[in-house]
Amino acid sequence: MSKNTDDDAPNDARQTIAAFREAVNMTPAQLEKWLDSDESKRVGQKQGDGESVGHQSGRRIIELLQRRAADIDEDDLAHMRKVVGYIHRHSAQGPSKSDPATSDWRYSLMNWGHDPQKS
């Protein structure tokens, strides 16, 4: 197994950005509108300031979607990996017994930029 070298970094960054853009299927405008909704603010694990982790992440995702790849730094890449991981894990869980279209499961994913109802 090869060690990760500085030469691998640009390739890893490209792969991370591609995975992020594939997992996040909402546009910045769609995500911004969603984050303003009561449903968006209601779901998720709340932090000390009352905002959920996913809601805060959604605001950062909007910024990342609007940046050029050349302007993405290592901190941004780390957040992109976190977003992709969350979307993949949470998507695999599926909704509880409720209607998927109006479930907290869907709403939480949407806070992270992924609408499972989008084709």
C-alpha atoms as a PDB file:
ATOM      1  CA  MET A   1       0.000   0.000   0.000  1.00  0.00           C
ATOM      2  CA  SER A   2       1.462   3.360  -0.974  1.00  0.00           C
ATOM      3  CA  LYS A   3       1.894   6.230   1.414  1.00  0.00           C
ATOM      4  CA  ASN A   4      -0.028   9.443   0.822  1.00  0.00           C
ATOM      5  CA  THR A   5       2.431  11.984  -0.533  1.00  0.00           C
ATOM      6  CA  ASP A   6       2.127  15.632  -1.435  1.00  0.00           C
ATOM      7  CA  ASP A   7       1.852  14.481  -5.062  1.00  0.00           C
ATOM      8  CA  ASP A   8      -1.393  12.691  -4.146  1.00  0.00           C
ATOM      9  CA  ALA A   9      -2.926  15.791  -2.549  1.00  0.00           C
ATOM     10  CA  PRO A  10      -4.272  17.419  -5.738  1.00  0.00           C
ATOM     11  CA  ASN A  11      -5.840  14.119  -6.800  1.00  0.00           C
ATOM     12  CA  ASP A  12      -7.356  13.587  -3.344  1.00  0.00           C
ATOM     13  CA  ALA A  13      -8.770  17.126  -3.429  1.00  0.00           C
ATOM     14  CA  ARG A  14     -10.339  16.515  -6.852  1.00  0.00           C
ATOM     15  CA  GLN A  15     -11.868  13.248  -5.635  1.00  0.00           C
ATOM     16  CA  THR A  16     -13.236  14.902  -2.504  1.00  0.00           C
ATOM     17  CA  ILE A  17     -14.758  17.787  -4.462  1.00  0.00           C
ATOM     18  CA  ALA A  18     -16.297  15.365  -6.976  1.00  0.00           C
ATOM     19  CA  ALA A  19     -17.788  13.211  -4.204  1.00  0.00           C
ATOM     20  CA  PHE A  20     -19.143  16.324  -2.483  1.00  0.00           C
ATOM     21  CA  ARG A  21     -20.771  17.635  -5.656  1.00  0.00           C
ATOM     22  CA  GLU A  22     -22.301  14.213  -6.314  1.00  0.00           C
ATOM     23  CA  ALA A  23     -23.696  13.831  -2.787  1.00  0.00           C
ATOM     24  CA  VAL A  24     -24.999  17.408  -2.513  1.00  0.00           C
ATOM     25  CA  ASN A  25     -27.865  17.512  -5.010  1.00  0.00           C
ATOM     26  CA  MET A  26     -29.398  20.839  -3.993  1.00  0.00           C
ATOM     27  CA  THR A  27     -28.370  24.147  -5.558  1.00  0.00           C
ATOM     28  CA  PRO A  28     -27.210  27.005  -3.327  1.00  0.00           C
ATOM     29  CA  ALA A  29     -30.567  28.772  -3.935  1.00  0.00           C
ATOM     30  CA  GLN A  30     -32.597  25.653  -3.075  1.00  0.00           C
ATOM     31  CA  LEU A  31     -30.554  25.036   0.065  1.00  0.00           C
ATOM     32  CA  GLU A  32     -30.774  28.658   1.173  1.00  0.00           C
ATOM     33  CA  LYS A  33     -34.558  28.645   0.763  1.00  0.00           C
ATOM     34  CA  TRP A  34     -34.792  25.339   2.636  1.00  0.00           C
ATOM     35  CA  LEU A  35     -32.635  26.569   5.533  1.00  0.00           C
ATOM     36  CA  ASP A  36     -35.055  29.484   6.013  1.00  0.00           C
ATOM     37  CA  SER A  37     -37.986  27.080   6.572  1.00  0.00           C
ATOM     38  CA  ASP A  38     -39.408  26.128   9.960  1.00  0.00           C
ATOM     39  CA  GLU A  39     -38.980  22.426   9.131  1.00  0.00           C
ATOM     40  CA  SER A  40     -35.268  22.917   8.540  1.00  0.00           C
ATOM     41  CA  LYS A  41     -34.798  24.716  11.841  1.00  0.00           C
ATOM     42  CA  ARG A  42     -36.820  22.091  13.743  1.00  0.00           C
ATOM     43  CA  VAL A  43     -34.750  18.984  12.946  1.00  0.00           C
ATOM     44  CA  GLY A  44     -31.269  17.906  13.929  1.00  0.00           C
ATOM     45  CA  GLN A  45     -28.999  17.765  16.928  1.00  0.00           C
ATOM     46  CA  LYS A  46     -29.040  21.199  18.566  1.00  0.00           C
ATOM     47  CA  GLN A  47     -25.893  22.955  19.715  1.00  0.00           C
ATOM     48  CA  GLY A  48     -25.454  25.451  22.537  1.00  0.00           C
ATOM     49  CA  ASP A  49     -26.738  28.311  20.384  1.00  0.00           C
ATOM     50  CA  GLY A  50     -29.915  26.401  19.490  1.00  0.00           C
ATOM     51  CA  GLU A  51     -28.908  25.819  15.856  1.00  0.00           C
ATOM     52  CA  SER A  52     -28.537  22.213  14.733  1.00  0.00           C
ATOM     53  CA  VAL A  53     -25.247  20.843  13.470  1.00  0.00           C
ATOM     54  CA  GLY A  54     -26.826  20.116  10.077  1.00  0.00           C
ATOM     55  CA  HIS A  55     -28.344  23.575   9.761  1.00  0.00           C
ATOM     56  CA  GLN A  56     -24.970  25.174  10.459  1.00  0.00           C
ATOM     57  CA  SER A  57     -23.357  22.788   7.979  1.00  0.00           C
ATOM     58  CA  GLY A  58     -25.955  23.742   5.361  1.00  0.00           C
ATOM     59  CA  ARG A  59     -24.897  27.378   5.555  1.00  0.00           C
ATOM     60  CA  ARG A  60     -21.288  26.349   4.995  1.00  0.00           C
ATOM     61  CA  ILE A  61     -22.292  24.052   2.120  1.00  0.00           C
ATOM     62  CA  ILE A  62     -23.845  27.032   0.334  1.00  0.00           C
ATOM     63  CA  GLU A  63     -20.503  28.837   0.564  1.00  0.00           C
ATOM     64  CA  LEU A  64     -18.583  25.786  -0.654  1.00  0.00           C
ATOM     65  CA  LEU A  65     -20.877  25.295  -3.641  1.00  0.00           C
ATOM     66  CA  GLN A  66     -20.198  28.867  -4.710  1.00  0.00           C
ATOM     67  CA  ARG A  67     -16.401  28.572  -4.551  1.00  0.00           C
ATOM     68  CA  ARG A  68     -14.073  27.625  -7.354  1.00  0.00           C
ATOM     69  CA  ALA A  69     -12.071  24.450  -6.805  1.00  0.00           C
ATOM     70  CA  ALA A  70      -8.868  26.523  -6.729  1.00  0.00           C
ATOM     71  CA  ASP A  71     -10.201  28.411  -3.680  1.00  0.00           C
ATOM     72  CA  ILE A  72     -10.910  25.276  -1.614  1.00  0.00           C
ATOM     73  CA  ASP A  73      -8.503  24.798   1.294  1.00  0.00           C
ATOM     74  CA  GLU A  74      -7.799  21.807   3.542  1.00  0.00           C
ATOM     75  CA  ASP A  75     -10.406  22.886   6.110  1.00  0.00           C
ATOM     76  CA  ASP A  76     -12.999  23.049   3.323  1.00  0.00           C
ATOM     77  CA  LEU A  77     -12.005  19.586   2.102  1.00  0.00           C
ATOM     78  CA  ALA A  78     -12.374  18.211   5.625  1.00  0.00           C
ATOM     79  CA  HIS A  79     -15.898  19.633   5.824  1.00  0.00           C
ATOM     80  CA  MET A  80     -16.722  18.234   2.389  1.00  0.00           C
ATOM     81  CA  ARG A  81     -15.642  14.771   3.566  1.00  0.00           C
ATOM     82  CA  LYS A  82     -17.808  15.166   6.669  1.00  0.00           C
ATOM     83  CA  VAL A  83     -20.811  16.115   4.490  1.00  0.00           C
ATOM     84  CA  VAL A  84     -20.311  13.172   2.134  1.00  0.00           C
ATOM     85  CA  GLY A  85     -19.952  10.769   5.069  1.00  0.00           C
ATOM     86  CA  TYR A  86     -23.082  12.067   6.755  1.00  0.00           C
ATOM     87  CA  ILE A  87     -25.153  11.904   3.567  1.00  0.00           C
ATOM     88  CA  HIS A  88     -24.037   8.339   2.814  1.00  0.00           C
ATOM     89  CA  ARG A  89     -24.634   7.086   6.384  1.00  0.00           C
ATOM     90  CA  HIS A  90     -27.951   8.851   6.880  1.00  0.00           C
ATOM     91  CA  SER A  91     -29.260   7.901   3.417  1.00  0.00           C
ATOM     92  CA  ALA A  92     -28.610   4.235   4.172  1.00  0.00           C
ATOM     93  CA  GLN A  93     -30.744   4.421   7.332  1.00  0.00           C
ATOM     94  CA  GLY A  94     -33.902   5.440   5.525  1.00  0.00           C
ATOM     95  CA  PRO A  95     -36.943   7.042   7.114  1.00  0.00           C
ATOM     96  CA  SER A  96     -38.733   5.569  10.087  1.00  0.00           C
ATOM     97  CA  LYS A  97     -42.365   4.581   9.672  1.00  0.00           C
ATOM     98  CA  SER A  98     -43.387   8.073   8.608  1.00  0.00           C
ATOM     99  CA  ASP A  99     -43.927   9.287   5.060  1.00  0.00           C
ATOM    100  CA  PRO A 100     -40.463   9.790   3.539  1.00  0.00           C
ATOM    101  CA  ALA A 101     -41.506  13.059   1.869  1.00  0.00           C
ATOM    102  CA  THR A 102     -42.303  14.731   5.196  1.00  0.00           C
ATOM    103  CA  SER A 103     -39.978  12.791   7.487  1.00  0.00           C
ATOM    104  CA  ASP A 104     -37.360  14.205   9.821  1.00  0.00           C
ATOM    105  CA  TRP A 105     -34.978  11.839   7.997  1.00  0.00           C
ATOM    106  CA  ARG A 106     -35.483  13.712   4.725  1.00  0.00           C
ATOM    107  CA  TYR A 107     -35.445  17.116   6.394  1.00  0.00           C
ATOM    108  CA  SER A 108     -32.166  16.336   8.140  1.00  0.00           C
ATOM    109  CA  LEU A 109     -30.565  15.222   4.871  1.00  0.00           C
ATOM    110  CA  MET A 110     -31.786  18.395   3.215  1.00  0.00           C
ATOM    111  CA  ASN A 111     -30.013  20.467   5.880  1.00  0.00           C
ATOM    112  CA  TRP A 112     -26.843  18.756   4.638  1.00  0.00           C
ATOM    113  CA  GLY A 113     -27.652  19.623   1.010  1.00  0.00           C
ATOM    114  CA  HIS A 114     -29.146  16.323  -0.126  1.00  0.00           C
ATOM    115  CA  ASP A 115     -32.807  15.865  -1.013  1.00  0.00           C
ATOM    116  CA  PRO A 116     -33.512  12.110  -1.278  1.00  0.00           C
ATOM    117  CA  GLN A 117     -36.748  12.895  -3.167  1.00  0.00           C
ATOM    118  CA  LYS A 118     -34.816  14.467  -6.067  1.00  0.00           C
ATOM    119  CA  SER A 119     -34.182  12.227  -9.033  1.00  0.00           C
END
